[in-house]
Every structure is written in structure tokens, then in C-alpha cells.
Protein backbone atom coordinates (compact mmCIF):
# COMPACT_ATOMS: atom_id res chain seq x y z
CA VAL A 1 34.21 15.60 50.03
CA VAL A 2 30.41 15.08 49.99
CA LEU A 3 29.44 11.98 48.19
CA ASP A 4 25.70 11.42 46.93
CA PHE A 5 24.92 8.12 45.29
CA PHE A 6 21.82 9.11 43.88
CA ALA A 7 22.34 12.43 42.38
CA GLY A 8 18.79 13.08 40.30
CA SER A 9 19.03 16.67 39.67
CA CYS A 10 22.31 17.16 41.88
CA SER A 11 20.91 19.36 44.17
CA THR A 12 23.40 18.09 46.84
CA ALA A 13 25.98 19.58 44.51
CA HIS A 14 24.02 23.21 44.47
CA ALA A 15 24.13 23.16 48.29
CA VAL A 16 27.42 22.13 48.36
CA ILE A 17 28.38 25.22 46.34
CA ASP A 18 26.06 27.56 48.21
CA LEU A 19 27.28 26.60 51.75
CA ASN A 20 30.99 27.55 50.62
CA ARG A 21 29.84 30.64 49.37
CA GLU A 22 27.90 31.36 53.04
CA ASP A 23 30.99 30.28 54.97
CA GLY A 24 33.89 30.35 53.15
CA GLY A 25 34.35 26.57 52.97
CA ASN A 26 36.39 24.52 50.25
CA ARG A 27 34.05 21.69 50.03
CA ARG A 28 34.20 19.13 47.16
CA PHE A 29 31.48 16.98 45.72
CA ILE A 30 31.18 13.72 44.13
CA VAL A 31 27.57 12.79 42.62
CA ALA A 32 26.76 9.82 40.70
CA GLN A 33 23.72 9.08 38.47
CA LEU A 34 22.96 6.19 36.26
CA ASP A 35 22.27 7.58 32.75
CA GLU A 36 18.13 7.49 32.97
CA ARG A 37 16.19 9.03 29.82
CA CYS A 38 13.55 11.84 30.55
CA GLU A 39 9.94 11.23 29.53
CA GLU A 40 9.58 12.58 25.98
CA ALA A 41 6.76 14.93 27.33
CA SER A 42 8.89 16.24 30.33
CA GLU A 43 9.88 19.94 30.64
CA ALA A 44 13.53 18.52 30.55
CA ALA A 45 13.04 16.88 27.16
CA GLN A 46 11.27 20.00 26.24
CA MET A 47 14.44 21.96 27.00
CA GLY A 48 16.68 19.69 25.19
CA LEU A 49 17.73 18.04 28.02
CA SER A 50 17.17 14.09 27.32
CA THR A 51 18.89 12.26 30.42
CA ILE A 52 18.72 12.96 34.32
CA PRO A 53 22.40 12.92 34.06
CA GLU A 54 21.96 16.10 31.64
CA ILE A 55 19.51 18.01 33.93
CA GLY A 56 22.06 17.43 36.80
CA LYS A 57 24.78 19.01 34.61
CA GLU A 58 22.93 21.91 33.61
CA ARG A 59 21.74 22.89 37.39
CA ILE A 60 25.34 22.84 38.44
CA ARG A 61 26.27 25.06 35.43
CA ARG A 62 23.60 27.78 36.18
CA ALA A 63 23.45 27.64 40.05
CA GLY A 64 27.31 28.11 39.47
CA ALA A 65 27.10 31.11 37.75
CA ALA A 66 24.40 32.58 39.77
CA ILE A 67 25.92 31.93 43.02
CA LYS A 68 29.06 33.11 41.83
CA SER A 69 27.78 36.33 40.52
CA GLU A 70 25.74 36.96 43.92
CA SER A 71 29.17 36.76 45.75
CA ALA A 72 31.55 38.60 43.32
CA LEU A 73 32.55 40.76 45.94
CA THR A 74 32.65 38.73 48.81
CA ARG A 75 33.63 35.40 47.39
CA PRO A 76 35.73 36.20 44.02
CA ASP A 77 37.65 33.19 44.18
CA LEU A 78 34.78 30.84 44.84
CA ASP A 79 35.33 27.35 42.54
CA ILE A 80 31.93 26.30 40.96
CA GLY A 81 34.22 24.06 38.46
CA PHE A 82 33.36 20.44 38.18
CA ARG A 83 34.52 17.54 35.80
CA VAL A 84 32.25 15.15 34.03
CA LEU A 85 33.34 11.45 34.07
CA LYS A 86 31.59 8.33 32.66
CA ILE A 87 32.03 4.84 32.94
CA ASP A 88 32.75 2.66 29.69
CA THR A 89 34.59 0.00 28.46
CA SER A 90 38.10 -0.51 28.94
CA ASN A 91 40.33 1.68 26.72
CA MET A 92 42.36 -1.47 25.51
CA LYS A 93 41.48 -4.11 22.80
CA ASP A 94 40.70 -7.81 23.98
CA VAL A 95 43.89 -9.51 22.98
CA TYR A 96 43.22 -12.65 24.65
CA TYR A 97 42.96 -15.29 22.01
CA THR A 98 43.55 -18.92 21.47
CA PRO A 99 45.62 -19.63 18.69
CA ASP A 100 42.70 -21.76 16.79
CA GLU A 101 41.08 -18.37 17.16
CA SER A 102 43.82 -16.54 15.34
CA LYS A 103 44.12 -15.82 11.75
CA GLN A 104 47.41 -14.59 10.07
CA GLY A 105 45.63 -11.53 8.72
CA ASP A 106 44.38 -10.44 12.25
CA LEU A 107 47.93 -9.91 13.18
CA LEU A 108 48.11 -6.59 11.73
CA LYS A 109 45.33 -5.41 14.12
CA GLN A 110 46.88 -6.08 16.92
CA ILE A 111 50.01 -3.53 16.08
CA ASP A 112 47.95 -1.14 18.12
CA ASN A 113 46.30 -2.10 21.45
CA ILE A 114 44.14 0.86 21.78
CA ARG A 115 40.28 0.71 20.67
CA GLU A 116 40.11 3.32 17.69
CA ASP A 117 37.54 5.22 19.10
CA ARG A 118 38.98 6.15 22.03
CA THR A 119 40.42 9.82 22.68
CA PRO A 120 43.52 11.11 24.19
CA GLU A 121 41.33 12.40 27.31
CA ASP A 122 40.00 8.78 27.45
CA LEU A 123 43.78 7.17 27.86
CA LEU A 124 44.55 10.26 30.42
CA PHE A 125 41.66 9.27 32.75
CA GLN A 126 42.76 5.85 32.57
CA VAL A 127 46.07 6.65 33.76
CA LEU A 128 45.04 8.69 36.53
CA VAL A 129 42.97 5.97 37.79
CA ASP A 130 45.32 3.31 37.32
CA TRP A 131 48.19 5.51 39.15
CA GLY A 132 45.58 6.53 41.78
CA VAL A 133 45.94 10.32 40.66
CA ASP A 134 43.14 12.71 42.00
CA LEU A 135 40.64 12.93 39.14
CA ALA A 136 39.99 16.78 40.17
CA LEU A 137 43.19 18.18 39.83
CA PRO A 138 44.04 20.86 37.35
CA ILE A 139 45.06 19.72 33.81
CA ALA A 140 47.06 21.98 31.62
CA LYS A 141 47.64 20.75 27.62
CA GLU A 142 50.15 22.15 25.63
CA THR A 143 51.97 21.60 22.20
CA ILE A 144 55.41 20.73 22.49
CA ASP A 145 57.58 19.84 19.32
CA GLY A 146 54.32 19.79 17.11
CA LYS A 147 52.56 17.17 19.76
CA THR A 148 49.93 17.24 22.71
CA VAL A 149 51.27 16.90 25.66
CA PHE A 150 49.02 16.82 29.21
CA PHE A 151 50.52 18.34 32.25
CA VAL A 152 48.49 17.02 35.43
CA ASP A 153 49.05 19.36 38.46
CA GLY A 154 51.93 21.01 37.15
CA ASN A 155 54.60 18.27 37.37
CA ALA A 156 52.69 15.38 38.97
CA LEU A 157 52.05 13.27 35.51
CA ALA A 158 52.97 14.14 32.09
CA ALA A 159 51.39 12.44 29.05
CA CYS A 160 51.60 12.04 25.12
CA PHE A 161 49.34 10.14 23.26
CA ASP A 162 50.08 11.47 19.75
CA GLN A 163 51.88 9.06 16.90
CA ASP A 164 55.77 9.66 16.01
CA VAL A 165 56.77 10.55 19.16
CA THR A 166 60.80 11.54 18.66
CA ASP A 167 63.60 11.92 20.97
CA ASP A 168 63.45 15.34 20.88
CA LEU A 169 59.81 15.56 22.12
CA VAL A 170 61.19 13.14 25.02
CA LYS A 171 63.78 15.35 26.00
CA GLU A 172 61.45 18.43 26.17
CA ILE A 173 59.16 16.44 28.52
CA ALA A 174 62.08 15.28 30.68
CA LYS A 175 63.31 18.36 31.19
CA ARG A 176 60.20 19.58 33.29
CA LYS A 177 61.23 16.45 35.80
CA PRO A 178 57.57 15.13 35.86
CA LEU A 179 56.73 12.85 38.78
CA ARG A 180 55.44 10.31 36.26
CA ALA A 181 55.45 10.35 32.53
CA VAL A 182 53.04 7.95 30.11
CA PHE A 183 53.41 7.58 26.42
CA ARG A 184 51.47 5.33 23.80
CA ASP A 185 53.14 2.14 23.00
CA SER A 186 52.63 2.12 19.51
CA SER A 187 53.47 5.79 18.96
CA TYR A 188 56.81 6.14 18.99
CA SER A 189 58.63 7.00 15.61
CA SER A 190 60.93 3.84 16.01
CA ASP A 191 61.96 1.08 18.37
CA SER A 192 65.16 3.07 19.03
CA VAL A 193 63.20 5.99 20.37
CA LYS A 194 61.47 3.50 22.53
CA ILE A 195 64.44 2.10 23.78
CA ASN A 196 65.87 5.31 24.27
CA VAL A 197 63.39 6.91 26.41
CA GLU A 198 64.16 5.49 29.65
CA GLN A 199 67.71 6.34 29.14
CA ILE A 200 66.85 10.00 28.41
CA PHE A 201 64.90 9.95 31.53
CA LYS A 202 67.50 8.63 34.01
CA LEU A 203 69.86 11.23 32.18
CA LEU A 204 67.37 14.35 32.76
CA ALA A 205 65.05 13.10 35.33
CA PRO A 206 66.04 10.12 37.05
CA SER A 207 63.09 10.21 39.93
CA THR A 208 60.31 10.23 36.99
CA GLU A 209 58.50 6.63 36.53
CA ILE A 210 57.79 5.84 33.00
CA ARG A 211 54.96 3.74 31.85
CA SER A 212 53.59 2.94 27.99
CA LEU A 213 50.13 2.03 27.33
């Protein structure tokens, strides 16, 4: 794994992809860059790229496509994919209030402990980080019983953050026997479903580790 903490235009990532093409290697790269804005008069800004990370992402896309095209016969399996992650505040609401700061009308706001502007993908990557799962593993998205379920690296992790999770959905996920399973704490259709989750997995997938956000 090649690490570059000062990615700039991502020349390091470009070089890694090119070297993999040359010698058949399988190196991976991690590049980090602050979200610095480009000068308005710069060539990048004129192309619609307003920040340095946007320049880097565009370079990796173009370089990867060009390199793969050039090596279509010699390296048809060349991996030019990459995943972009951004540092953000916690997905969880601030629930640390003292009694004198709390009002009765505020209690309903605490029913859901997840911030309203967070996507299922945001929650998924929080889980991957918490569990120490490789962030570059393949992620598949399936619709089961009308709900969106994420499967990471096959059965390494299964996650569903949709509302109104039912026993039937839990059973279908448990039948896949994932190593880990995670649900949103406020998404169960009833208290009985929340209680049944552990029992369903004990019956169908006893080795699965279960967590609720």
C-alpha cells in the first residue's frame, strides 16, 4: 500500500496505477488532501474543478481510463477503481444534555439518534471504521423485502438502515450467514422485532455478530 499524505493532483496514485500496468503488480494507494480551493482564474477552475481534491479525482479517472485502454490486451484485469472518503462530524446526534438543559418538548427529537442529513452510505462507512473492516472491500447493494441491504465483501458484513425492518427481512439476511450484521436502532417496525432479531440470528446464523446504531 502506497501512502501519500500530501496528494496534490494525485501524481502518486497515477504512478501506482501505471506501475501496476508495467509489472503486473497489485499495489494499492491511499492519498489524502485538504479541501483547498483553486484560484478562480486558474485553468482548473475554468474546467469546473473548484478544489485541489477535485483535480486529483479527475486525474485518477482520466489516467486510469487511458492506462487501461493502452493495456487492454496485456492487462485486461487492471484495477483502476478508487473510493473517495471525506472526514465529517459524527453521524450521531449530541445526546449529552444535563437535566436543566432539557425540555419535555425536546424528548421527541431524541427518538432517532442519527443526524437527519446522513445517508445510508454515511452510516455504512461509520460501521466499517468502527469494526476495522477494510474500506476498499467491494460493496453490493440489494433490495430484499422492499428494503436496501448492503453486503460488504460477500458475507463479511450485512447492513440495513431503512425504516420498518420486519422479522421477514431479518430472516432473509440471517440466512446469508454474514459475519456481522447491523441495523438502525430506530428502524425496527416494532419493539417485538427488535427483541426477535437476536433470537432469529441465534437460530439461523449463530456465529453472526449483531449491532444496532
